[in-house]
């Protein structure tokens, strides 16, 4: 029988991969944008494959050539 290994990542590891704060990663999880599991009262764990999917989606939403990009006053044309 084959054994399947699923690598899990902590909030800190995900934050480091994305260049964001741990608070941002927790917010993505709480809002349901990034699938994760609660591990204790405040900690989250994330499946590495799910995180990679989320990163691809997140980065494409920031890519101006795909219609994404910065939001707010700096993105307005003058």
C-alpha atoms as a PDB file:
ATOM      1  CA  UNK A   1       0.000   0.000   0.000  1.00  0.00           C
ATOM      2  CA  UNK A   2       1.281   3.473  -0.903  1.00  0.00           C
ATOM      3  CA  UNK A   3       1.787   6.066   1.773  1.00  0.00           C
ATOM      4  CA  UNK A   4       0.765   9.619   1.003  1.00  0.00           C
ATOM      5  CA  UNK A   5       2.743  12.357   2.731  1.00  0.00           C
ATOM      6  CA  UNK A   6       1.128  15.746   3.035  1.00  0.00           C
ATOM      7  CA  UNK A   7       3.431  18.534   4.127  1.00  0.00           C
ATOM      8  CA  UNK A   8       1.829  21.079   6.393  1.00  0.00           C
ATOM      9  CA  UNK A   9       3.051  24.609   6.915  1.00  0.00           C
ATOM     10  CA  UNK A  10       2.671  26.978   9.841  1.00  0.00           C
ATOM     11  CA  UNK A  11       1.305  30.497   9.581  1.00  0.00           C
ATOM     12  CA  UNK A  12       4.865  31.825   9.853  1.00  0.00           C
ATOM     13  CA  UNK A  13       6.105  29.612   7.037  1.00  0.00           C
ATOM     14  CA  UNK A  14       3.252  30.708   4.756  1.00  0.00           C
ATOM     15  CA  UNK A  15       3.857  34.363   5.640  1.00  0.00           C
ATOM     16  CA  UNK A  16       7.531  33.996   4.766  1.00  0.00           C
ATOM     17  CA  UNK A  17       6.719  32.309   1.438  1.00  0.00           C
ATOM     18  CA  UNK A  18       4.356  35.142   0.505  1.00  0.00           C
ATOM     19  CA  UNK A  19       6.311  38.043   1.961  1.00  0.00           C
ATOM     20  CA  UNK A  20       3.378  38.997   4.180  1.00  0.00           C
ATOM     21  CA  UNK A  21       2.752  39.234   7.892  1.00  0.00           C
ATOM     22  CA  UNK A  22       1.372  36.330   9.900  1.00  0.00           C
ATOM     23  CA  UNK A  23      -1.658  38.515  10.635  1.00  0.00           C
ATOM     24  CA  UNK A  24      -2.393  38.708   6.892  1.00  0.00           C
ATOM     25  CA  UNK A  25      -2.142  34.937   6.529  1.00  0.00           C
ATOM     26  CA  UNK A  26      -4.485  34.415   9.498  1.00  0.00           C
ATOM     27  CA  UNK A  27      -6.923  36.918   7.984  1.00  0.00           C
ATOM     28  CA  UNK A  28      -6.909  35.031   4.646  1.00  0.00           C
ATOM     29  CA  UNK A  29      -7.687  31.829   6.580  1.00  0.00           C
ATOM     30  CA  UNK A  30     -10.389  33.372   8.759  1.00  0.00           C
ATOM     31  CA  UNK A  31     -12.024  34.939   5.687  1.00  0.00           C
ATOM     32  CA  UNK A  32     -11.991  31.543   3.955  1.00  0.00           C
ATOM     33  CA  UNK A  33      -9.672  32.638   1.153  1.00  0.00           C
ATOM     34  CA  UNK A  34      -6.874  30.272   2.189  1.00  0.00           C
ATOM     35  CA  UNK A  35      -7.910  26.807   3.315  1.00  0.00           C
ATOM     36  CA  UNK A  36      -6.338  25.795   6.584  1.00  0.00           C
ATOM     37  CA  UNK A  37      -7.076  24.015   9.835  1.00  0.00           C
ATOM     38  CA  UNK A  38      -7.081  25.418  13.322  1.00  0.00           C
ATOM     39  CA  UNK A  39      -4.448  23.892  15.526  1.00  0.00           C
ATOM     40  CA  UNK A  40      -5.172  25.041  19.028  1.00  0.00           C
ATOM     41  CA  UNK A  41      -6.679  28.360  19.994  1.00  0.00           C
ATOM     42  CA  UNK A  42      -4.809  30.672  17.610  1.00  0.00           C
ATOM     43  CA  UNK A  43      -2.524  28.547  15.473  1.00  0.00           C
ATOM     44  CA  UNK A  44      -3.275  27.461  11.919  1.00  0.00           C
ATOM     45  CA  UNK A  45      -1.742  24.770   9.729  1.00  0.00           C
ATOM     46  CA  UNK A  46      -1.919  24.747   5.942  1.00  0.00           C
ATOM     47  CA  UNK A  47      -1.431  22.048   3.319  1.00  0.00           C
ATOM     48  CA  UNK A  48       1.590  22.985   1.179  1.00  0.00           C
ATOM     49  CA  UNK A  49      -0.200  22.218  -2.113  1.00  0.00           C
ATOM     50  CA  UNK A  50      -3.153  24.393  -1.101  1.00  0.00           C
ATOM     51  CA  UNK A  51      -0.796  27.234  -0.196  1.00  0.00           C
ATOM     52  CA  UNK A  52       0.914  26.990  -3.582  1.00  0.00           C
ATOM     53  CA  UNK A  53      -2.491  27.162  -5.342  1.00  0.00           C
ATOM     54  CA  UNK A  54      -3.433  30.180  -3.238  1.00  0.00           C
ATOM     55  CA  UNK A  55      -0.129  31.925  -4.012  1.00  0.00           C
ATOM     56  CA  UNK A  56      -0.641  31.438  -7.771  1.00  0.00           C
ATOM     57  CA  UNK A  57      -4.154  32.861  -7.491  1.00  0.00           C
ATOM     58  CA  UNK A  58      -3.007  35.728  -5.242  1.00  0.00           C
ATOM     59  CA  UNK A  59      -0.110  36.659  -7.521  1.00  0.00           C
ATOM     60  CA  UNK A  60      -2.271  36.614 -10.644  1.00  0.00           C
ATOM     61  CA  UNK A  61      -4.705  38.983  -8.921  1.00  0.00           C
ATOM     62  CA  UNK A  62      -1.780  41.407  -8.482  1.00  0.00           C
ATOM     63  CA  UNK A  63      -0.513  41.054 -12.074  1.00  0.00           C
ATOM     64  CA  UNK A  64      -1.567  44.177 -14.035  1.00  0.00           C
ATOM     65  CA  UNK A  65      -1.474  42.247 -17.323  1.00  0.00           C
ATOM     66  CA  UNK A  66      -4.200  39.979 -15.915  1.00  0.00           C
ATOM     67  CA  UNK A  67      -6.356  42.876 -14.749  1.00  0.00           C
ATOM     68  CA  UNK A  68      -4.960  43.001 -11.215  1.00  0.00           C
ATOM     69  CA  UNK A  69      -2.674  45.502  -9.624  1.00  0.00           C
ATOM     70  CA  UNK A  70      -2.441  47.957  -6.826  1.00  0.00           C
ATOM     71  CA  UNK A  71      -5.667  49.281  -5.409  1.00  0.00           C
ATOM     72  CA  UNK A  72      -6.281  52.752  -4.114  1.00  0.00           C
ATOM     73  CA  UNK A  73      -5.234  56.299  -5.065  1.00  0.00           C
ATOM     74  CA  UNK A  74      -1.898  55.354  -6.633  1.00  0.00           C
ATOM     75  CA  UNK A  75      -3.568  53.174  -9.264  1.00  0.00           C
ATOM     76  CA  UNK A  76      -5.741  55.981 -10.657  1.00  0.00           C
ATOM     77  CA  UNK A  77      -4.819  57.531 -13.974  1.00  0.00           C
ATOM     78  CA  UNK A  78      -4.173  61.274 -13.986  1.00  0.00           C
END
